[in-house]
Amino acid sequence: GVHGPVREMDVEKWSEHIEKSWPEYTTSLPTQAEFKKHIQENSIV
């Protein structure tokens, strides 16, 4: 099931989002450029 509300953000806000939400994982998550590429390819991150 879905846990909590569905939220929305601009693809350009990824770096800002992970710094705020997941600071301890910034090196293991995609970079801003990688994230944007995955999203443009309709991949799920």
PDB file of all heavy atoms in Angstrom:
ATOM      1  N   GLY A   1       0.820  -1.206   0.000  1.00  0.00           N
ATOM      2  CA  GLY A   1       0.000   0.000   0.000  1.00  0.00           C
ATOM      3  C   GLY A   1       0.850   1.251   0.000  1.00  0.00           C
ATOM      4  O   GLY A   1       2.062   1.209   0.214  1.00  0.00           O
ATOM      5  N   VAL A   2       0.192   2.357  -0.273  1.00  0.00           N
ATOM      6  CA  VAL A   2       0.830   3.668  -0.233  1.00  0.00           C
ATOM      7  C   VAL A   2       0.795   4.130   1.217  1.00  0.00           C
ATOM      8  O   VAL A   2      -0.212   4.008   1.907  1.00  0.00           O
ATOM      9  CB  VAL A   2       0.109   4.672  -1.159  1.00  0.00           C
ATOM     10  CG1 VAL A   2       0.685   6.071  -1.013  1.00  0.00           C
ATOM     11  CG2 VAL A   2       0.194   4.207  -2.610  1.00  0.00           C
ATOM     12  N   HIS A   3       1.912   4.658   1.674  1.00  0.00           N
ATOM     13  CA  HIS A   3       2.035   5.107   3.057  1.00  0.00           C
ATOM     14  C   HIS A   3       2.191   6.631   3.053  1.00  0.00           C
ATOM     15  O   HIS A   3       3.224   7.150   2.676  1.00  0.00           O
ATOM     16  CB  HIS A   3       3.249   4.436   3.700  1.00  0.00           C
ATOM     17  CG  HIS A   3       3.414   4.719   5.146  1.00  0.00           C
ATOM     18  ND1 HIS A   3       2.629   4.148   6.105  1.00  0.00           N
ATOM     19  CD2 HIS A   3       4.277   5.511   5.786  1.00  0.00           C
ATOM     20  CE1 HIS A   3       3.004   4.578   7.281  1.00  0.00           C
ATOM     21  NE2 HIS A   3       4.005   5.409   7.112  1.00  0.00           N
ATOM     22  N   GLY A   4       1.149   7.322   3.437  1.00  0.00           N
ATOM     23  CA  GLY A   4       1.205   8.779   3.482  1.00  0.00           C
ATOM     24  C   GLY A   4       0.751   9.417   2.187  1.00  0.00           C
ATOM     25  O   GLY A   4       0.435   8.729   1.217  1.00  0.00           O
ATOM     26  N   PRO A   5       0.745  10.745   2.165  1.00  0.00           N
ATOM     27  CA  PRO A   5       0.284  11.454   0.959  1.00  0.00           C
ATOM     28  C   PRO A   5       1.316  11.407  -0.170  1.00  0.00           C
ATOM     29  O   PRO A   5       2.511  11.292   0.076  1.00  0.00           O
ATOM     30  CB  PRO A   5       0.105  12.891   1.450  1.00  0.00           C
ATOM     31  CG  PRO A   5       1.067  13.020   2.586  1.00  0.00           C
ATOM     32  CD  PRO A   5       1.120  11.657   3.239  1.00  0.00           C
ATOM     33  N   VAL A   6       0.835  11.484  -1.393  1.00  0.00           N
ATOM     34  CA  VAL A   6       1.706  11.606  -2.559  1.00  0.00           C
ATOM     35  C   VAL A   6       2.089  13.077  -2.664  1.00  0.00           C
ATOM     36  O   VAL A   6       1.242  13.962  -2.578  1.00  0.00           O
ATOM     37  CB  VAL A   6       0.989  11.140  -3.847  1.00  0.00           C
ATOM     38  CG1 VAL A   6       1.860  11.393  -5.065  1.00  0.00           C
ATOM     39  CG2 VAL A   6       0.617   9.664  -3.741  1.00  0.00           C
ATOM     40  N   ARG A   7       3.384  13.316  -2.823  1.00  0.00           N
ATOM     41  CA  ARG A   7       3.874  14.692  -2.940  1.00  0.00           C
ATOM     42  C   ARG A   7       4.405  14.925  -4.351  1.00  0.00           C
ATOM     43  O   ARG A   7       4.557  13.992  -5.120  1.00  0.00           O
ATOM     44  CB  ARG A   7       4.956  14.958  -1.899  1.00  0.00           C
ATOM     45  CG  ARG A   7       4.394  14.867  -0.473  1.00  0.00           C
ATOM     46  CD  ARG A   7       5.457  15.041   0.581  1.00  0.00           C
ATOM     47  NE  ARG A   7       6.313  13.849   0.589  1.00  0.00           N
ATOM     48  CZ  ARG A   7       7.602  13.859   0.921  1.00  0.00           C
ATOM     49  NH1 ARG A   7       8.200  14.983   1.251  1.00  0.00           N
ATOM     50  NH2 ARG A   7       8.302  12.749   0.902  1.00  0.00           N
ATOM     51  N   GLU A   8       4.704  16.164  -4.640  1.00  0.00           N
ATOM     52  CA  GLU A   8       5.169  16.547  -5.975  1.00  0.00           C
ATOM     53  C   GLU A   8       6.340  17.512  -5.836  1.00  0.00           C
ATOM     54  O   GLU A   8       6.376  18.335  -4.920  1.00  0.00           O
ATOM     55  CB  GLU A   8       4.014  17.225  -6.712  1.00  0.00           C
ATOM     56  CG  GLU A   8       4.289  17.616  -8.126  1.00  0.00           C
ATOM     57  CD  GLU A   8       3.083  18.293  -8.765  1.00  0.00           C
ATOM     58  OE1 GLU A   8       1.939  17.915  -8.465  1.00  0.00           O
ATOM     59  OE2 GLU A   8       3.312  19.216  -9.566  1.00  0.00           O
ATOM     60  N   MET A   9       7.304  17.387  -6.750  1.00  0.00           N
ATOM     61  CA  MET A   9       8.408  18.349  -6.788  1.00  0.00           C
ATOM     62  C   MET A   9       8.868  18.527  -8.231  1.00  0.00           C
ATOM     63  O   MET A   9       8.576  17.704  -9.095  1.00  0.00           O
ATOM     64  CB  MET A   9       9.569  17.913  -5.890  1.00  0.00           C
ATOM     65  CG  MET A   9      10.390  16.766  -6.408  1.00  0.00           C
ATOM     66  SD  MET A   9      11.818  16.440  -5.333  1.00  0.00           S
ATOM     67  CE  MET A   9      12.811  15.477  -6.460  1.00  0.00           C
ATOM     68  N   ASP A  10       9.607  19.584  -8.455  1.00  0.00           N
ATOM     69  CA  ASP A  10      10.218  19.858  -9.753  1.00  0.00           C
ATOM     70  C   ASP A  10      11.485  19.014  -9.850  1.00  0.00           C
ATOM     71  O   ASP A  10      12.243  18.899  -8.881  1.00  0.00           O
ATOM     72  CB  ASP A  10      10.554  21.351  -9.840  1.00  0.00           C
ATOM     73  CG  ASP A  10      11.156  21.772 -11.159  1.00  0.00           C
ATOM     74  OD1 ASP A  10      11.639  20.922 -11.927  1.00  0.00           O
ATOM     75  OD2 ASP A  10      11.156  22.984 -11.431  1.00  0.00           O
ATOM     76  N   VAL A  11      11.731  18.418 -10.995  1.00  0.00           N
ATOM     77  CA  VAL A  11      12.906  17.578 -11.196  1.00  0.00           C
ATOM     78  C   VAL A  11      14.200  18.317 -10.854  1.00  0.00           C
ATOM     79  O   VAL A  11      15.170  17.714 -10.405  1.00  0.00           O
ATOM     80  CB  VAL A  11      12.942  17.020 -12.650  1.00  0.00           C
ATOM     81  CG1 VAL A  11      13.263  18.118 -13.653  1.00  0.00           C
ATOM     82  CG2 VAL A  11      13.917  15.863 -12.774  1.00  0.00           C
ATOM     83  N   GLU A  12      14.218  19.622 -11.021  1.00  0.00           N
ATOM     84  CA  GLU A  12      15.419  20.421 -10.756  1.00  0.00           C
ATOM     85  C   GLU A  12      15.712  20.566  -9.259  1.00  0.00           C
ATOM     86  O   GLU A  12      16.780  21.054  -8.890  1.00  0.00           O
ATOM     87  CB  GLU A  12      15.277  21.816 -11.380  1.00  0.00           C
ATOM     88  CG  GLU A  12      15.100  21.810 -12.888  1.00  0.00           C
ATOM     89  CD  GLU A  12      16.304  21.273 -13.661  1.00  0.00           C
ATOM     90  OE1 GLU A  12      17.430  21.250 -13.112  1.00  0.00           O
ATOM     91  OE2 GLU A  12      16.124  20.872 -14.822  1.00  0.00           O
ATOM     92  N   LYS A  13      14.807  20.147  -8.403  1.00  0.00           N
ATOM     93  CA  LYS A  13      14.961  20.302  -6.951  1.00  0.00           C
ATOM     94  C   LYS A  13      15.548  19.058  -6.273  1.00  0.00           C
ATOM     95  O   LYS A  13      15.599  18.981  -5.048  1.00  0.00           O
ATOM     96  CB  LYS A  13      13.608  20.636  -6.306  1.00  0.00           C
ATOM     97  CG  LYS A  13      12.972  21.907  -6.805  1.00  0.00           C
ATOM     98  CD  LYS A  13      13.727  23.112  -6.340  1.00  0.00           C
ATOM     99  CE  LYS A  13      12.992  24.375  -6.754  1.00  0.00           C
ATOM    100  NZ  LYS A  13      13.676  25.566  -6.314  1.00  0.00           N
ATOM    101  N   TRP A  14      15.977  18.061  -7.054  1.00  0.00           N
ATOM    102  CA  TRP A  14      16.475  16.809  -6.496  1.00  0.00           C
ATOM    103  C   TRP A  14      17.611  17.014  -5.486  1.00  0.00           C
ATOM    104  O   TRP A  14      17.555  16.517  -4.364  1.00  0.00           O
ATOM    105  CB  TRP A  14      16.921  15.877  -7.618  1.00  0.00           C
ATOM    106  CG  TRP A  14      17.633  14.638  -7.155  1.00  0.00           C
ATOM    107  CD1 TRP A  14      18.955  14.354  -7.303  1.00  0.00           C
ATOM    108  CD2 TRP A  14      17.058  13.516  -6.479  1.00  0.00           C
ATOM    109  NE1 TRP A  14      19.252  13.113  -6.772  1.00  0.00           N
ATOM    110  CE2 TRP A  14      18.093  12.583  -6.247  1.00  0.00           C
ATOM    111  CE3 TRP A  14      15.782  13.202  -6.032  1.00  0.00           C
ATOM    112  CZ2 TRP A  14      17.891  11.376  -5.614  1.00  0.00           C
ATOM    113  CZ3 TRP A  14      15.570  11.990  -5.401  1.00  0.00           C
ATOM    114  CH2 TRP A  14      16.608  11.091  -5.188  1.00  0.00           C
ATOM    115  N   SER A  15      18.655  17.716  -5.877  1.00  0.00           N
ATOM    116  CA  SER A  15      19.811  17.906  -4.987  1.00  0.00           C
ATOM    117  C   SER A  15      19.390  18.563  -3.681  1.00  0.00           C
ATOM    118  O   SER A  15      19.813  18.147  -2.590  1.00  0.00           O
ATOM    119  CB  SER A  15      20.894  18.747  -5.666  1.00  0.00           C
ATOM    120  OG  SER A  15      21.485  18.013  -6.705  1.00  0.00           O
ATOM    121  N   GLU A  16      18.572  19.572  -3.790  1.00  0.00           N
ATOM    122  CA  GLU A  16      18.061  20.264  -2.606  1.00  0.00           C
ATOM    123  C   GLU A  16      17.237  19.301  -1.739  1.00  0.00           C
ATOM    124  O   GLU A  16      17.355  19.283  -0.510  1.00  0.00           O
ATOM    125  CB  GLU A  16      17.202  21.443  -3.067  1.00  0.00           C
ATOM    126  CG  GLU A  16      16.634  22.294  -1.986  1.00  0.00           C
ATOM    127  CD  GLU A  16      15.776  23.411  -2.557  1.00  0.00           C
ATOM    128  OE1 GLU A  16      16.161  24.000  -3.592  1.00  0.00           O
ATOM    129  OE2 GLU A  16      14.716  23.685  -1.969  1.00  0.00           O
ATOM    130  N   HIS A  17      16.417  18.503  -2.389  1.00  0.00           N
ATOM    131  CA  HIS A  17      15.556  17.549  -1.680  1.00  0.00           C
ATOM    132  C   HIS A  17      16.373  16.517  -0.908  1.00  0.00           C
ATOM    133  O   HIS A  17      16.103  16.259   0.273  1.00  0.00           O
ATOM    134  CB  HIS A  17      14.628  16.857  -2.681  1.00  0.00           C
ATOM    135  CG  HIS A  17      13.884  15.694  -2.121  1.00  0.00           C
ATOM    136  ND1 HIS A  17      12.870  15.823  -1.194  1.00  0.00           N
ATOM    137  CD2 HIS A  17      14.024  14.358  -2.346  1.00  0.00           C
ATOM    138  CE1 HIS A  17      12.406  14.619  -0.877  1.00  0.00           C
ATOM    139  NE2 HIS A  17      13.090  13.730  -1.558  1.00  0.00           N
ATOM    140  N   ILE A  18      17.375  15.908  -1.549  1.00  0.00           N
ATOM    141  CA  ILE A  18      18.132  14.874  -0.841  1.00  0.00           C
ATOM    142  C   ILE A  18      19.006  15.468   0.259  1.00  0.00           C
ATOM    143  O   ILE A  18      19.228  14.821   1.278  1.00  0.00           O
ATOM    144  CB  ILE A  18      18.931  13.950  -1.791  1.00  0.00           C
ATOM    145  CG1 ILE A  18      19.948  14.715  -2.605  1.00  0.00           C
ATOM    146  CG2 ILE A  18      18.000  13.143  -2.656  1.00  0.00           C
ATOM    147  CD1 ILE A  18      20.901  13.818  -3.376  1.00  0.00           C
ATOM    148  N   GLU A  19      19.505  16.669   0.066  1.00  0.00           N
ATOM    149  CA  GLU A  19      20.281  17.328   1.128  1.00  0.00           C
ATOM    150  C   GLU A  19      19.423  17.538   2.371  1.00  0.00           C
ATOM    151  O   GLU A  19      19.893  17.382   3.487  1.00  0.00           O
ATOM    152  CB  GLU A  19      20.835  18.672   0.651  1.00  0.00           C
ATOM    153  CG  GLU A  19      22.118  18.575  -0.114  1.00  0.00           C
ATOM    154  CD  GLU A  19      23.285  18.074   0.729  1.00  0.00           C
ATOM    155  OE1 GLU A  19      23.379  18.394   1.931  1.00  0.00           O
ATOM    156  OE2 GLU A  19      24.107  17.341   0.169  1.00  0.00           O
ATOM    157  N   LYS A  20      18.173  17.864   2.149  1.00  0.00           N
ATOM    158  CA  LYS A  20      17.250  18.119   3.261  1.00  0.00           C
ATOM    159  C   LYS A  20      16.696  16.816   3.847  1.00  0.00           C
ATOM    160  O   LYS A  20      16.636  16.653   5.060  1.00  0.00           O
ATOM    161  CB  LYS A  20      16.091  18.997   2.779  1.00  0.00           C
ATOM    162  CG  LYS A  20      15.118  19.376   3.853  1.00  0.00           C
ATOM    163  CD  LYS A  20      14.018  20.271   3.310  1.00  0.00           C
ATOM    164  CE  LYS A  20      12.991  20.571   4.388  1.00  0.00           C
ATOM    165  NZ  LYS A  20      11.875  21.347   3.877  1.00  0.00           N
ATOM    166  N   SER A  21      16.300  15.878   2.988  1.00  0.00           N
ATOM    167  CA  SER A  21      15.614  14.670   3.428  1.00  0.00           C
ATOM    168  C   SER A  21      16.538  13.493   3.737  1.00  0.00           C
ATOM    169  O   SER A  21      16.230  12.682   4.611  1.00  0.00           O
ATOM    170  CB  SER A  21      14.607  14.215   2.363  1.00  0.00           C
ATOM    171  OG  SER A  21      13.669  15.216   2.122  1.00  0.00           O
ATOM    172  N   TRP A  22      17.613  13.348   2.980  1.00  0.00           N
ATOM    173  CA  TRP A  22      18.489  12.184   3.093  1.00  0.00           C
ATOM    174  C   TRP A  22      19.967  12.579   3.135  1.00  0.00           C
ATOM    175  O   TRP A  22      20.773  12.039   2.369  1.00  0.00           O
ATOM    176  CB  TRP A  22      18.273  11.236   1.908  1.00  0.00           C
ATOM    177  CG  TRP A  22      16.858  10.889   1.616  1.00  0.00           C
ATOM    178  CD1 TRP A  22      16.089  11.327   0.580  1.00  0.00           C
ATOM    179  CD2 TRP A  22      16.006  10.033   2.386  1.00  0.00           C
ATOM    180  NE1 TRP A  22      14.834  10.795   0.661  1.00  0.00           N
ATOM    181  CE2 TRP A  22      14.753   9.995   1.758  1.00  0.00           C
ATOM    182  CE3 TRP A  22      16.195   9.282   3.548  1.00  0.00           C
ATOM    183  CZ2 TRP A  22      13.692   9.241   2.257  1.00  0.00           C
ATOM    184  CZ3 TRP A  22      15.141   8.545   4.035  1.00  0.00           C
ATOM    185  CH2 TRP A  22      13.906   8.521   3.398  1.00  0.00           C
ATOM    186  N   PRO A  23      20.393  13.491   3.993  1.00  0.00           N
ATOM    187  CA  PRO A  23      21.780  13.974   3.948  1.00  0.00           C
ATOM    188  C   PRO A  23      22.828  12.863   4.118  1.00  0.00           C
ATOM    189  O   PRO A  23      23.904  12.949   3.540  1.00  0.00           O
ATOM    190  CB  PRO A  23      21.850  14.990   5.091  1.00  0.00           C
ATOM    191  CG  PRO A  23      20.712  14.673   5.987  1.00  0.00           C
ATOM    192  CD  PRO A  23      19.643  14.082   5.105  1.00  0.00           C
ATOM    193  N   GLU A  24      22.487  11.812   4.860  1.00  0.00           N
ATOM    194  CA  GLU A  24      23.447  10.727   5.078  1.00  0.00           C
ATOM    195  C   GLU A  24      23.574   9.801   3.868  1.00  0.00           C
ATOM    196  O   GLU A  24      24.448   8.941   3.827  1.00  0.00           O
ATOM    197  CB  GLU A  24      23.087   9.921   6.337  1.00  0.00           C
ATOM    198  CG  GLU A  24      21.757   9.205   6.268  1.00  0.00           C
ATOM    199  CD  GLU A  24      20.526  10.036   6.649  1.00  0.00           C
ATOM    200  OE1 GLU A  24      20.579  11.283   6.642  1.00  0.00           O
ATOM    201  OE2 GLU A  24      19.486   9.429   6.917  1.00  0.00           O
ATOM    202  N   TYR A  25      22.707   9.984   2.853  1.00  0.00           N
ATOM    203  CA  TYR A  25      22.722   9.121   1.662  1.00  0.00           C
ATOM    204  C   TYR A  25      23.107   9.863   0.382  1.00  0.00           C
ATOM    205  O   TYR A  25      23.010   9.293  -0.701  1.00  0.00           O
ATOM    206  CB  TYR A  25      21.351   8.475   1.458  1.00  0.00           C
ATOM    207  CG  TYR A  25      20.960   7.529   2.565  1.00  0.00           C
ATOM    208  CD1 TYR A  25      20.070   7.915   3.553  1.00  0.00           C
ATOM    209  CD2 TYR A  25      21.482   6.245   2.623  1.00  0.00           C
ATOM    210  CE1 TYR A  25      19.708   7.055   4.578  1.00  0.00           C
ATOM    211  CE2 TYR A  25      21.136   5.372   3.645  1.00  0.00           C
ATOM    212  CZ  TYR A  25      20.247   5.791   4.619  1.00  0.00           C
ATOM    213  OH  TYR A  25      19.903   4.937   5.629  1.00  0.00           O
ATOM    214  N   THR A  26      23.552  11.093   0.492  1.00  0.00           N
ATOM    215  CA  THR A  26      23.797  11.890  -0.718  1.00  0.00           C
ATOM    216  C   THR A  26      24.824  11.246  -1.655  1.00  0.00           C
ATOM    217  O   THR A  26      24.711  11.380  -2.867  1.00  0.00           O
ATOM    218  CB  THR A  26      24.238  13.322  -0.383  1.00  0.00           C
ATOM    219  OG1 THR A  26      25.373  13.274   0.482  1.00  0.00           O
ATOM    220  CG2 THR A  26      23.122  14.113   0.263  1.00  0.00           C
ATOM    221  N   THR A  27      25.779  10.523  -1.117  1.00  0.00           N
ATOM    222  CA  THR A  27      26.791   9.911  -1.988  1.00  0.00           C
ATOM    223  C   THR A  27      26.306   8.615  -2.627  1.00  0.00           C
ATOM    224  O   THR A  27      26.888   8.160  -3.612  1.00  0.00           O
ATOM    225  CB  THR A  27      28.102   9.637  -1.215  1.00  0.00           C
ATOM    226  OG1 THR A  27      27.819   8.786  -0.105  1.00  0.00           O
ATOM    227  CG2 THR A  27      28.733  10.939  -0.734  1.00  0.00           C
ATOM    228  N   SER A  28      25.243   8.017  -2.091  1.00  0.00           N
ATOM    229  CA  SER A  28      24.755   6.754  -2.667  1.00  0.00           C
ATOM    230  C   SER A  28      23.519   6.937  -3.546  1.00  0.00           C
ATOM    231  O   SER A  28      23.098   5.996  -4.207  1.00  0.00           O
ATOM    232  CB  SER A  28      24.441   5.746  -1.552  1.00  0.00           C
ATOM    233  OG  SER A  28      23.449   6.236  -0.686  1.00  0.00           O
ATOM    234  N   LEU A  29      22.977   8.134  -3.573  1.00  0.00           N
ATOM    235  CA  LEU A  29      21.825   8.424  -4.436  1.00  0.00           C
ATOM    236  C   LEU A  29      22.311   9.091  -5.716  1.00  0.00           C
ATOM    237  O   LEU A  29      23.429   9.614  -5.768  1.00  0.00           O
ATOM    238  CB  LEU A  29      20.840   9.337  -3.697  1.00  0.00           C
ATOM    239  CG  LEU A  29      20.111   8.685  -2.517  1.00  0.00           C
ATOM    240  CD1 LEU A  29      19.354   9.729  -1.702  1.00  0.00           C
ATOM    241  CD2 LEU A  29      19.162   7.603  -2.996  1.00  0.00           C
ATOM    242  N   PRO A  30      21.484   9.086  -6.765  1.00  0.00           N
ATOM    243  CA  PRO A  30      21.904   9.713  -8.025  1.00  0.00           C
ATOM    244  C   PRO A  30      22.215  11.204  -7.850  1.00  0.00           C
ATOM    245  O   PRO A  30      21.633  11.883  -7.002  1.00  0.00           O
ATOM    246  CB  PRO A  30      20.681   9.543  -8.936  1.00  0.00           C
ATOM    247  CG  PRO A  30      19.880   8.454  -8.325  1.00  0.00           C
ATOM    248  CD  PRO A  30      20.143   8.508  -6.850  1.00  0.00           C
ATOM    249  N   THR A  31      23.137  11.681  -8.679  1.00  0.00           N
ATOM    250  CA  THR A  31      23.410  13.117  -8.718  1.00  0.00           C
ATOM    251  C   THR A  31      22.221  13.827  -9.371  1.00  0.00           C
ATOM    252  O   THR A  31      21.323  13.173  -9.927  1.00  0.00           O
ATOM    253  CB  THR A  31      24.664  13.409  -9.563  1.00  0.00           C
ATOM    254  OG1 THR A  31      24.387  13.018 -10.926  1.00  0.00           O
ATOM    255  CG2 THR A  31      25.900  12.680  -9.029  1.00  0.00           C
ATOM    256  N   GLN A  32      22.236  15.136  -9.351  1.00  0.00           N
ATOM    257  CA  GLN A  32      21.161  15.904  -9.988  1.00  0.00           C
ATOM    258  C   GLN A  32      21.052  15.535 -11.470  1.00  0.00           C
ATOM    259  O   GLN A  32      19.958  15.282 -11.981  1.00  0.00           O
ATOM    260  CB  GLN A  32      21.406  17.409  -9.823  1.00  0.00           C
ATOM    261  CG  GLN A  32      20.382  18.303 -10.531  1.00  0.00           C
ATOM    262  CD  GLN A  32      18.987  18.189  -9.940  1.00  0.00           C
ATOM    263  OE1 GLN A  32      18.804  18.321  -8.744  1.00  0.00           O
ATOM    264  NE2 GLN A  32      17.997  17.948 -10.775  1.00  0.00           N
ATOM    265  N   ALA A  33      22.179  15.470 -12.160  1.00  0.00           N
ATOM    266  CA  ALA A  33      22.170  15.147 -13.599  1.00  0.00           C
ATOM    267  C   ALA A  33      21.672  13.721 -13.841  1.00  0.00           C
ATOM    268  O   ALA A  33      20.889  13.483 -14.770  1.00  0.00           O
ATOM    269  CB  ALA A  33      23.568  15.332 -14.188  1.00  0.00           C
ATOM    270  N   GLU A  34      22.120  12.768 -13.027  1.00  0.00           N
ATOM    271  CA  GLU A  34      21.674  11.375 -13.179  1.00  0.00           C
ATOM    272  C   GLU A  34      20.173  11.253 -12.917  1.00  0.00           C
ATOM    273  O   GLU A  34      19.463  10.562 -13.650  1.00  0.00           O
ATOM    274  CB  GLU A  34      22.433  10.466 -12.210  1.00  0.00           C
ATOM    275  CG  GLU A  34      23.898  10.306 -12.545  1.00  0.00           C
ATOM    276  CD  GLU A  34      24.701   9.673 -11.424  1.00  0.00           C
ATOM    277  OE1 GLU A  34      24.274   9.729 -10.246  1.00  0.00           O
ATOM    278  OE2 GLU A  34      25.780   9.126 -11.724  1.00  0.00           O
ATOM    279  N   PHE A  35      19.709  11.915 -11.862  1.00  0.00           N
ATOM    280  CA  PHE A  35      18.288  11.868 -11.521  1.00  0.00           C
ATOM    281  C   PHE A  35      17.440  12.428 -12.666  1.00  0.00           C
ATOM    282  O   PHE A  35      16.471  11.813 -13.090  1.00  0.00           O
ATOM    283  CB  PHE A  35      18.029  12.657 -10.233  1.00  0.00           C
ATOM    284  CG  PHE A  35      16.586  12.673  -9.818  1.00  0.00           C
ATOM    285  CD1 PHE A  35      16.000  11.562  -9.241  1.00  0.00           C
ATOM    286  CD2 PHE A  35      15.804  13.805 -10.005  1.00  0.00           C
ATOM    287  CE1 PHE A  35      14.664  11.567  -8.852  1.00  0.00           C
ATOM    288  CE2 PHE A  35      14.473  13.829  -9.619  1.00  0.00           C
ATOM    289  CZ  PHE A  35      13.905  12.710  -9.052  1.00  0.00           C
ATOM    290  N   LYS A  36      17.848  13.577 -13.184  1.00  0.00           N
ATOM    291  CA  LYS A  36      17.108  14.212 -14.281  1.00  0.00           C
ATOM    292  C   LYS A  36      17.062  13.290 -15.501  1.00  0.00           C
ATOM    293  O   LYS A  36      16.010  13.135 -16.132  1.00  0.00           O
ATOM    294  CB  LYS A  36      17.740  15.551 -14.637  1.00  0.00           C
ATOM    295  CG  LYS A  36      16.952  16.356 -15.620  1.00  0.00           C
ATOM    296  CD  LYS A  36      17.559  17.737 -15.813  1.00  0.00           C
ATOM    297  CE  LYS A  36      16.754  18.551 -16.791  1.00  0.00           C
ATOM    298  NZ  LYS A  36      17.310  19.901 -16.958  1.00  0.00           N
ATOM    299  N   LYS A  37      18.173  12.624 -15.800  1.00  0.00           N
ATOM    300  CA  LYS A  37      18.223  11.706 -16.933  1.00  0.00           C
ATOM    301  C   LYS A  37      17.271  10.526 -16.713  1.00  0.00           C
ATOM    302  O   LYS A  37      16.509  10.161 -17.610  1.00  0.00           O
ATOM    303  CB  LYS A  37      19.652  11.202 -17.137  1.00  0.00           C
ATOM    304  CG  LYS A  37      19.833  10.275 -18.322  1.00  0.00           C
ATOM    305  CD  LYS A  37      21.307   9.908 -18.477  1.00  0.00           C
ATOM    306  CE  LYS A  37      21.558   9.095 -19.706  1.00  0.00           C
ATOM    307  NZ  LYS A  37      21.282   7.679 -19.562  1.00  0.00           N
ATOM    308  N   HIS A  38      17.300   9.926 -15.520  1.00  0.00           N
ATOM    309  CA  HIS A  38      16.400   8.804 -15.207  1.00  0.00           C
ATOM    310  C   HIS A  38      14.937   9.225 -15.353  1.00  0.00           C
ATOM    311  O   HIS A  38      14.130   8.494 -15.938  1.00  0.00           O
ATOM    312  CB  HIS A  38      16.622   8.296 -13.783  1.00  0.00           C
ATOM    313  CG  HIS A  38      17.914   7.578 -13.577  1.00  0.00           C
ATOM    314  ND1 HIS A  38      18.320   6.517 -14.344  1.00  0.00           N
ATOM    315  CD2 HIS A  38      18.893   7.773 -12.663  1.00  0.00           C
ATOM    316  CE1 HIS A  38      19.494   6.092 -13.918  1.00  0.00           C
ATOM    317  NE2 HIS A  38      19.866   6.833 -12.904  1.00  0.00           N
ATOM    318  N   ILE A  39      14.602  10.377 -14.822  1.00  0.00           N
ATOM    319  CA  ILE A  39      13.216  10.851 -14.874  1.00  0.00           C
ATOM    320  C   ILE A  39      12.803  11.136 -16.322  1.00  0.00           C
ATOM    321  O   ILE A  39      11.697  10.786 -16.736  1.00  0.00           O
ATOM    322  CB  ILE A  39      13.014  12.082 -13.966  1.00  0.00           C
ATOM    323  CG1 ILE A  39      13.205  11.681 -12.485  1.00  0.00           C
ATOM    324  CG2 ILE A  39      11.655  12.733 -14.189  1.00  0.00           C
ATOM    325  CD1 ILE A  39      12.252  10.627 -11.964  1.00  0.00           C
ATOM    326  N   GLN A  40      13.681  11.749 -17.107  1.00  0.00           N
ATOM    327  CA  GLN A  40      13.359  12.022 -18.508  1.00  0.00           C
ATOM    328  C   GLN A  40      13.163  10.728 -19.295  1.00  0.00           C
ATOM    329  O   GLN A  40      12.421  10.703 -20.267  1.00  0.00           O
ATOM    330  CB  GLN A  40      14.454  12.883 -19.150  1.00  0.00           C
ATOM    331  CG  GLN A  40      14.420  14.308 -18.648  1.00  0.00           C
ATOM    332  CD  GLN A  40      15.608  15.136 -19.122  1.00  0.00           C
ATOM    333  OE1 GLN A  40      16.661  14.627 -19.478  1.00  0.00           O
ATOM    334  NE2 GLN A  40      15.416  16.446 -19.121  1.00  0.00           N
ATOM    335  N   GLU A  41      13.806   9.648 -18.866  1.00  0.00           N
ATOM    336  CA  GLU A  41      13.660   8.335 -19.516  1.00  0.00           C
ATOM    337  C   GLU A  41      12.479   7.549 -18.940  1.00  0.00           C
ATOM    338  O   GLU A  41      12.307   6.379 -19.255  1.00  0.00           O
ATOM    339  CB  GLU A  41      14.948   7.533 -19.352  1.00  0.00           C
ATOM    340  CG  GLU A  41      16.129   8.122 -20.080  1.00  0.00           C
ATOM    341  CD  GLU A  41      17.446   7.448 -19.737  1.00  0.00           C
ATOM    342  OE1 GLU A  41      17.518   6.669 -18.750  1.00  0.00           O
ATOM    343  OE2 GLU A  41      18.426   7.709 -20.451  1.00  0.00           O
ATOM    344  N   ASN A  42      11.693   8.195 -18.075  1.00  0.00           N
ATOM    345  CA  ASN A  42      10.539   7.573 -17.401  1.00  0.00           C
ATOM    346  C   ASN A  42      10.935   6.406 -16.502  1.00  0.00           C
ATOM    347  O   ASN A  42      10.143   5.495 -16.277  1.00  0.00           O
ATOM    348  CB  ASN A  42       9.462   7.142 -18.396  1.00  0.00           C
ATOM    349  CG  ASN A  42       8.716   8.327 -18.952  1.00  0.00           C
ATOM    350  OD1 ASN A  42       8.420   9.277 -18.227  1.00  0.00           O
ATOM    351  ND2 ASN A  42       8.418   8.303 -20.232  1.00  0.00           N
ATOM    352  N   SER A  43      12.161   6.425 -16.003  1.00  0.00           N
ATOM    353  CA  SER A  43      12.600   5.420 -15.044  1.00  0.00           C
ATOM    354  C   SER A  43      12.106   5.815 -13.652  1.00  0.00           C
ATOM    355  O   SER A  43      11.916   6.994 -13.365  1.00  0.00           O
ATOM    356  CB  SER A  43      14.129   5.319 -15.012  1.00  0.00           C
ATOM    357  OG  SER A  43      14.623   4.885 -16.257  1.00  0.00           O
ATOM    358  N   ILE A  44      11.933   4.811 -12.809  1.00  0.00           N
ATOM    359  CA  ILE A  44      11.573   5.040 -11.415  1.00  0.00           C
ATOM    360  C   ILE A  44      12.868   5.083 -10.614  1.00  0.00           C
ATOM    361  O   ILE A  44      13.735   4.220 -10.783  1.00  0.00           O
ATOM    362  CB  ILE A  44      10.670   3.910 -10.873  1.00  0.00           C
ATOM    363  CG1 ILE A  44       9.431   3.717 -11.753  1.00  0.00           C
ATOM    364  CG2 ILE A  44      10.294   4.155  -9.414  1.00  0.00           C
ATOM    365  CD1 ILE A  44       8.547   4.920 -11.903  1.00  0.00           C
ATOM    366  N   VAL A  45      13.005   6.073  -9.767  1.00  0.00           N
ATOM    367  CA  VAL A  45      14.168   6.178  -8.893  1.00  0.00           C
ATOM    368  C   VAL A  45      13.700   5.867  -7.479  1.00  0.00           C
ATOM    369  O   VAL A  45      12.708   6.430  -7.015  1.00  0.00           O
ATOM    370  CB  VAL A  45      14.800   7.590  -8.964  1.00  0.00           C
ATOM    371  CG1 VAL A  45      15.947   7.717  -7.976  1.00  0.00           C
ATOM    372  CG2 VAL A  45      15.264   7.900 -10.381  1.00  0.00           C
TER     373      VAL A  45
END
